[in-house]
Amino acid sequence: MLEHINNAFDLRRVLFKYYCELATIMFEDGEFLILLGLFFVALLYSSVGHGGASGYLAILSLTAYGEFDSGWLKQHAWCLNLAVASIAFYHYRKAGFHIPKLTLPFIFTSIPFAIIGGYIRVEGELYDALLSITLIWAAYRLFQNKEISNDEAITLPKKSVALPIGGAIGLMSGIIGVGGGIFLSPVLLLKRWAPPKTAAATASLFILLNSISGLIGSGISGQLEIDFEILMPFIFVVLAGGFIGSKYGSQLAPQSSIKYLLISVLMIAAIKRSLILIM
């Protein structure tokens, strides 16, 4: 009995020490500002069913982490995507907004192509160019985002249309290091294939599976390199932001302010990457 008590005490002591070390990392050398940025990215993106990879890449690109190679950035953005997209899908599915018949054709082709994209090694100027274009596109879509009624009539896409779209987005997502929600959601809404909350449910599962596929592709190609010491504080804050955003995001008063701040961050990061190309 005493041995069990001692073991439990030792476990609590180890956990307490770990959380103290985690808290120290979170508040040192400007790390807090990075974590705050990641939190707000997760908060906003998860409110529309997204994982936030383009936002995470933007935040990291503005810091010393931006000097890391593209494989490192992609893999850590995907890991953060996994955390946030999982929570978002759980909440939207639980609320009854997921339509499997809508989602399946897109993910059927996106998964293998995201693996291929993750396998491909894209470095230097080409990656900077692709990432800059993606960040500008994400900022544009956030700026153009308007309220659309969930009561509008929808028509499910034909498989012959959905399959190639899923494959193309999956490949691009694997190459750049995103989940593909910033590309898929506008298509679903503009084509009237889904109302906003159904699109959010589909996008969250799409992002989750593409992120896993991208990591698998990186692993197959021998590029996989996850730094858990850096990643864990990031995971902690995006889980918090993702939970709040996916559950209550659409009702939060400051969401519009966060949106415009995020647009600014995306554009600044895109400009920084573009300047690297020019210089």
Protein backbone atom coordinates (compact mmCIF):
# COMPACT_ATOMS: atom_id res chain seq x y z
CA MET A 1 0.00 0.00 0.00
CA LEU A 2 2.79 2.42 0.97
CA GLU A 3 4.62 1.53 -2.25
CA HIS A 4 1.57 2.54 -4.33
CA ILE A 5 1.33 5.84 -2.44
CA ASN A 6 5.02 6.56 -2.99
CA ASN A 7 4.71 5.74 -6.70
CA ALA A 8 1.72 8.05 -7.04
CA PHE A 9 3.61 10.81 -5.19
CA ASP A 10 6.65 10.36 -7.45
CA LEU A 11 4.45 10.56 -10.56
CA ARG A 12 2.82 13.78 -9.35
CA ARG A 13 6.25 15.24 -8.55
CA VAL A 14 7.52 14.39 -12.05
CA LEU A 15 4.40 15.90 -13.65
CA PHE A 16 4.70 19.03 -11.52
CA LYS A 17 8.36 19.42 -12.53
CA TYR A 18 7.43 18.95 -16.20
CA TYR A 19 4.70 21.61 -16.09
CA CYS A 20 7.04 24.02 -14.29
CA GLU A 21 9.63 23.53 -17.04
CA LEU A 22 6.92 23.96 -19.67
CA ALA A 23 5.75 27.21 -18.06
CA THR A 24 9.34 28.49 -17.98
CA ILE A 25 9.77 27.79 -21.69
CA MET A 26 6.46 29.49 -22.48
CA PHE A 27 7.46 32.79 -20.89
CA GLU A 28 11.11 33.17 -21.87
CA ASP A 29 12.79 35.20 -24.62
CA GLY A 30 9.69 36.40 -26.43
CA GLU A 31 8.28 32.87 -26.61
CA PHE A 32 5.13 34.16 -24.95
CA LEU A 33 4.35 36.40 -27.95
CA ILE A 34 4.76 33.46 -30.31
CA LEU A 35 2.47 31.33 -28.17
CA LEU A 36 -0.08 34.13 -27.96
CA GLY A 37 -0.05 34.42 -31.74
CA LEU A 38 -0.50 30.67 -32.15
CA PHE A 39 -3.37 30.74 -29.66
CA PHE A 40 -5.27 33.39 -31.61
CA VAL A 41 -4.60 31.62 -34.91
CA ALA A 42 -6.08 28.39 -33.48
CA LEU A 43 -8.98 30.35 -31.98
CA LEU A 44 -9.98 31.96 -35.27
CA TYR A 45 -9.29 29.11 -37.67
CA SER A 46 -10.98 26.46 -35.54
CA SER A 47 -14.16 28.54 -35.41
CA VAL A 48 -14.60 27.74 -39.12
CA GLY A 49 -13.34 24.17 -38.85
CA HIS A 50 -9.75 24.84 -39.95
CA GLY A 51 -6.53 23.63 -38.34
CA GLY A 52 -4.64 26.89 -38.85
CA ALA A 53 -1.45 25.67 -40.57
CA SER A 54 -1.16 28.71 -42.84
CA GLY A 55 -1.43 30.93 -39.76
CA TYR A 56 1.13 28.90 -37.82
CA LEU A 57 3.52 29.06 -40.77
CA ALA A 58 3.01 32.83 -40.88
CA ILE A 59 3.74 33.25 -37.16
CA LEU A 60 6.80 31.00 -37.27
CA SER A 61 8.09 32.69 -40.42
CA LEU A 62 8.29 36.00 -38.53
CA THR A 63 10.55 34.50 -35.86
CA ALA A 64 13.88 32.68 -35.69
CA TYR A 65 11.96 29.49 -36.49
CA GLY A 66 11.51 30.88 -40.01
CA GLU A 67 15.19 30.14 -40.62
CA PHE A 68 14.57 26.41 -40.20
CA ASP A 69 14.26 24.31 -43.34
CA SER A 70 10.89 23.87 -45.04
CA GLY A 71 10.53 20.25 -43.90
CA TRP A 72 10.77 21.29 -40.25
CA LEU A 73 8.19 24.05 -40.68
CA LYS A 74 5.76 21.79 -42.55
CA GLN A 75 5.94 18.96 -40.06
CA HIS A 76 5.40 21.15 -37.01
CA ALA A 77 2.51 22.99 -38.68
CA TRP A 78 0.91 19.61 -39.44
CA CYS A 79 1.31 18.51 -35.82
CA LEU A 80 -0.50 21.65 -34.64
CA ASN A 81 -3.14 21.01 -37.30
CA LEU A 82 -3.75 17.54 -35.86
CA ALA A 83 -4.52 18.96 -32.44
CA VAL A 84 -6.86 21.73 -33.60
CA ALA A 85 -8.61 19.96 -36.49
CA SER A 86 -9.38 16.97 -34.23
CA ILE A 87 -11.16 19.19 -31.72
CA ALA A 88 -12.95 21.14 -34.46
CA PHE A 89 -14.20 17.96 -36.14
CA TYR A 90 -15.37 16.56 -32.81
CA HIS A 91 -17.47 19.64 -32.06
CA TYR A 92 -18.96 20.06 -35.52
CA ARG A 93 -19.72 16.34 -35.87
CA LYS A 94 -21.25 16.23 -32.41
CA ALA A 95 -23.49 19.15 -33.39
CA GLY A 96 -24.71 17.13 -36.39
CA PHE A 97 -23.12 19.12 -39.21
CA HIS A 98 -20.97 16.41 -40.78
CA ILE A 99 -22.25 14.80 -44.02
CA PRO A 100 -20.06 11.77 -44.87
CA LYS A 101 -21.32 11.66 -48.47
CA LEU A 102 -19.93 15.15 -48.99
CA THR A 103 -16.57 14.50 -47.34
CA LEU A 104 -15.62 11.03 -48.63
CA PRO A 105 -14.97 11.83 -52.32
CA PHE A 106 -12.62 14.67 -51.39
CA ILE A 107 -10.59 12.70 -48.85
CA PHE A 108 -10.49 9.56 -51.03
CA THR A 109 -8.05 11.24 -53.42
CA SER A 110 -6.55 13.84 -51.08
CA ILE A 111 -4.95 11.25 -48.76
CA PRO A 112 -2.65 9.54 -51.32
CA PHE A 113 -1.76 12.85 -52.98
CA ALA A 114 -0.99 14.49 -49.61
CA ILE A 115 1.37 11.59 -48.92
CA ILE A 116 3.07 12.24 -52.27
CA GLY A 117 3.24 15.97 -51.49
CA GLY A 118 4.75 15.27 -48.08
CA TYR A 119 7.27 12.93 -49.70
CA ILE A 120 8.44 15.62 -52.12
CA ARG A 121 11.29 17.74 -50.78
CA VAL A 122 10.81 21.39 -51.74
CA GLU A 123 13.51 23.79 -50.59
CA GLY A 124 14.74 27.34 -51.05
CA GLU A 125 13.16 29.75 -53.48
CA LEU A 126 10.44 27.42 -54.74
CA TYR A 127 9.13 26.75 -51.23
CA ASP A 128 9.27 30.46 -50.33
CA ALA A 129 7.29 31.29 -53.47
CA LEU A 130 4.65 28.62 -52.86
CA LEU A 131 4.31 29.56 -49.19
CA SER A 132 4.01 33.27 -50.02
CA ILE A 133 1.24 32.57 -52.52
CA THR A 134 -0.56 30.38 -49.96
CA LEU A 135 -0.31 33.03 -47.22
CA ILE A 136 -1.64 35.74 -49.56
CA TRP A 137 -4.50 33.44 -50.61
CA ALA A 138 -5.34 32.70 -46.97
CA ALA A 139 -5.36 36.44 -46.15
CA TYR A 140 -7.57 37.13 -49.17
CA ARG A 141 -10.05 34.41 -48.19
CA LEU A 142 -10.23 35.70 -44.62
CA PHE A 143 -10.84 39.23 -45.89
CA GLN A 144 -13.52 38.08 -48.33
CA ASN A 145 -15.22 35.82 -45.79
CA LYS A 146 -18.83 36.88 -45.27
CA GLU A 147 -21.72 35.43 -43.36
CA ILE A 148 -23.69 32.90 -45.42
CA SER A 149 -26.91 31.41 -44.18
CA ASN A 150 -26.90 27.79 -43.08
CA ASP A 151 -30.44 27.52 -44.47
CA GLU A 152 -29.43 27.95 -48.13
CA ALA A 153 -30.19 25.04 -50.48
CA ILE A 154 -27.19 22.87 -51.28
CA THR A 155 -26.38 20.26 -53.92
CA LEU A 156 -23.74 17.61 -53.33
CA PRO A 157 -20.96 17.62 -55.95
CA LYS A 158 -20.60 14.80 -58.46
CA LYS A 159 -17.81 12.36 -57.69
CA SER A 160 -16.22 13.11 -61.06
CA VAL A 161 -15.80 16.70 -59.89
CA ALA A 162 -14.97 16.14 -56.20
CA LEU A 163 -12.28 13.48 -56.75
CA PRO A 164 -9.86 15.60 -58.82
CA ILE A 165 -10.41 18.62 -56.57
CA GLY A 166 -9.54 16.55 -53.52
CA GLY A 167 -6.42 15.15 -55.19
CA ALA A 168 -5.17 18.56 -56.34
CA ILE A 169 -5.68 20.14 -52.92
CA GLY A 170 -4.10 17.14 -51.20
CA LEU A 171 -0.96 17.39 -53.34
CA MET A 172 -0.62 21.14 -52.79
CA SER A 173 -1.21 20.71 -49.05
CA GLY A 174 1.52 18.08 -48.81
CA ILE A 175 4.02 20.21 -50.69
CA ILE A 176 3.38 23.43 -48.73
CA GLY A 177 2.66 22.00 -45.28
CA VAL A 178 -1.00 22.91 -44.75
CA GLY A 179 -4.16 20.84 -44.34
CA GLY A 180 -5.98 22.22 -47.35
CA GLY A 181 -8.96 23.79 -45.58
CA ILE A 182 -8.14 27.26 -46.92
CA PHE A 183 -8.56 25.84 -50.44
CA LEU A 184 -11.47 23.44 -49.87
CA SER A 185 -13.81 25.60 -47.79
CA PRO A 186 -14.13 28.43 -50.39
CA VAL A 187 -14.92 25.84 -53.07
CA LEU A 188 -17.63 24.20 -50.94
CA LEU A 189 -19.23 27.56 -50.16
CA LEU A 190 -18.94 29.22 -53.57
CA LYS A 191 -20.29 26.15 -55.37
CA ARG A 192 -23.12 25.89 -52.81
CA TRP A 193 -22.08 22.32 -52.05
CA ALA A 194 -22.34 22.96 -48.30
CA PRO A 195 -23.57 25.61 -45.86
CA PRO A 196 -20.88 27.13 -43.59
CA LYS A 197 -21.09 24.75 -40.64
CA THR A 198 -21.24 21.68 -42.86
CA ALA A 199 -18.26 23.03 -44.78
CA ALA A 200 -16.47 23.48 -41.45
CA ALA A 201 -17.14 19.85 -40.49
CA THR A 202 -15.90 18.57 -43.86
CA ALA A 203 -12.85 20.87 -43.83
CA SER A 204 -11.80 19.81 -40.33
CA LEU A 205 -11.76 16.10 -41.20
CA PHE A 206 -10.09 16.87 -44.55
CA ILE A 207 -7.36 18.85 -42.75
CA LEU A 208 -6.88 16.18 -40.10
CA LEU A 209 -6.37 13.37 -42.61
CA ASN A 210 -4.20 15.45 -44.96
CA SER A 211 -1.95 16.46 -42.06
CA ILE A 212 -1.50 12.81 -41.04
CA SER A 213 -0.84 11.90 -44.68
CA GLY A 214 1.74 14.68 -45.06
CA LEU A 215 3.59 13.43 -41.99
CA ILE A 216 3.50 9.88 -43.36
CA GLY A 217 4.95 11.11 -46.64
CA SER A 218 7.72 12.95 -44.78
CA GLY A 219 8.46 9.81 -42.77
CA ILE A 220 8.66 7.63 -45.89
CA SER A 221 11.11 10.06 -47.51
CA GLY A 222 13.28 10.19 -44.37
CA GLN A 223 12.55 13.87 -43.71
CA LEU A 224 10.56 13.43 -40.50
CA GLU A 225 12.14 15.44 -37.69
CA ILE A 226 9.80 16.46 -34.85
CA ASP A 227 11.30 18.55 -32.05
CA PHE A 228 8.98 17.72 -29.14
CA GLU A 229 10.70 20.13 -26.76
CA ILE A 230 9.70 23.01 -29.03
CA LEU A 231 6.39 21.47 -30.08
CA MET A 232 4.82 20.76 -26.68
CA PRO A 233 4.25 24.40 -25.61
CA PHE A 234 2.84 25.08 -29.09
CA ILE A 235 0.46 22.12 -28.75
CA PHE A 236 -0.66 23.31 -25.34
CA VAL A 237 -1.77 26.77 -26.54
CA VAL A 238 -3.36 25.66 -29.83
CA LEU A 239 -5.39 23.02 -27.98
CA ALA A 240 -6.76 25.77 -25.76
CA GLY A 241 -7.43 28.09 -28.70
CA GLY A 242 -8.88 25.28 -30.78
CA PHE A 243 -11.26 24.16 -28.05
CA ILE A 244 -12.60 27.66 -27.44
CA GLY A 245 -12.74 28.56 -31.13
CA SER A 246 -14.48 25.43 -32.39
CA LYS A 247 -17.05 25.44 -29.59
CA TYR A 248 -17.77 29.13 -29.11
CA GLY A 249 -15.84 30.92 -31.88
CA SER A 250 -18.86 32.04 -33.90
CA GLN A 251 -20.26 33.82 -30.82
CA LEU A 252 -17.08 35.60 -29.67
CA ALA A 253 -17.33 39.40 -29.85
CA PRO A 254 -13.68 40.11 -30.71
CA GLN A 255 -13.54 37.60 -33.58
CA SER A 256 -13.56 40.29 -36.28
CA SER A 257 -10.63 42.05 -34.63
CA ILE A 258 -8.69 38.80 -34.45
CA LYS A 259 -9.48 38.17 -38.11
CA TYR A 260 -7.94 41.47 -39.26
CA LEU A 261 -4.91 40.98 -37.02
CA LEU A 262 -4.40 37.55 -38.58
CA ILE A 263 -4.74 39.01 -42.08
CA SER A 264 -1.97 41.47 -41.19
CA VAL A 265 0.28 38.67 -39.90
CA LEU A 266 -0.31 36.58 -43.04
CA MET A 267 0.52 39.51 -45.31
CA ILE A 268 3.65 40.49 -43.35
CA ALA A 269 4.88 36.90 -43.43
CA ALA A 270 4.17 36.68 -47.19
CA ILE A 271 6.08 39.94 -47.78
CA LYS A 272 9.01 38.66 -45.70
CA ARG A 273 9.17 35.42 -47.72
CA SER A 274 8.91 37.43 -50.97
CA LEU A 275 11.78 39.70 -49.90
CA ILE A 276 13.92 36.63 -49.27
CA LEU A 277 13.29 35.62 -52.89
CA ILE A 278 14.22 39.08 -54.22
CA MET A 279 17.33 39.43 -52.08
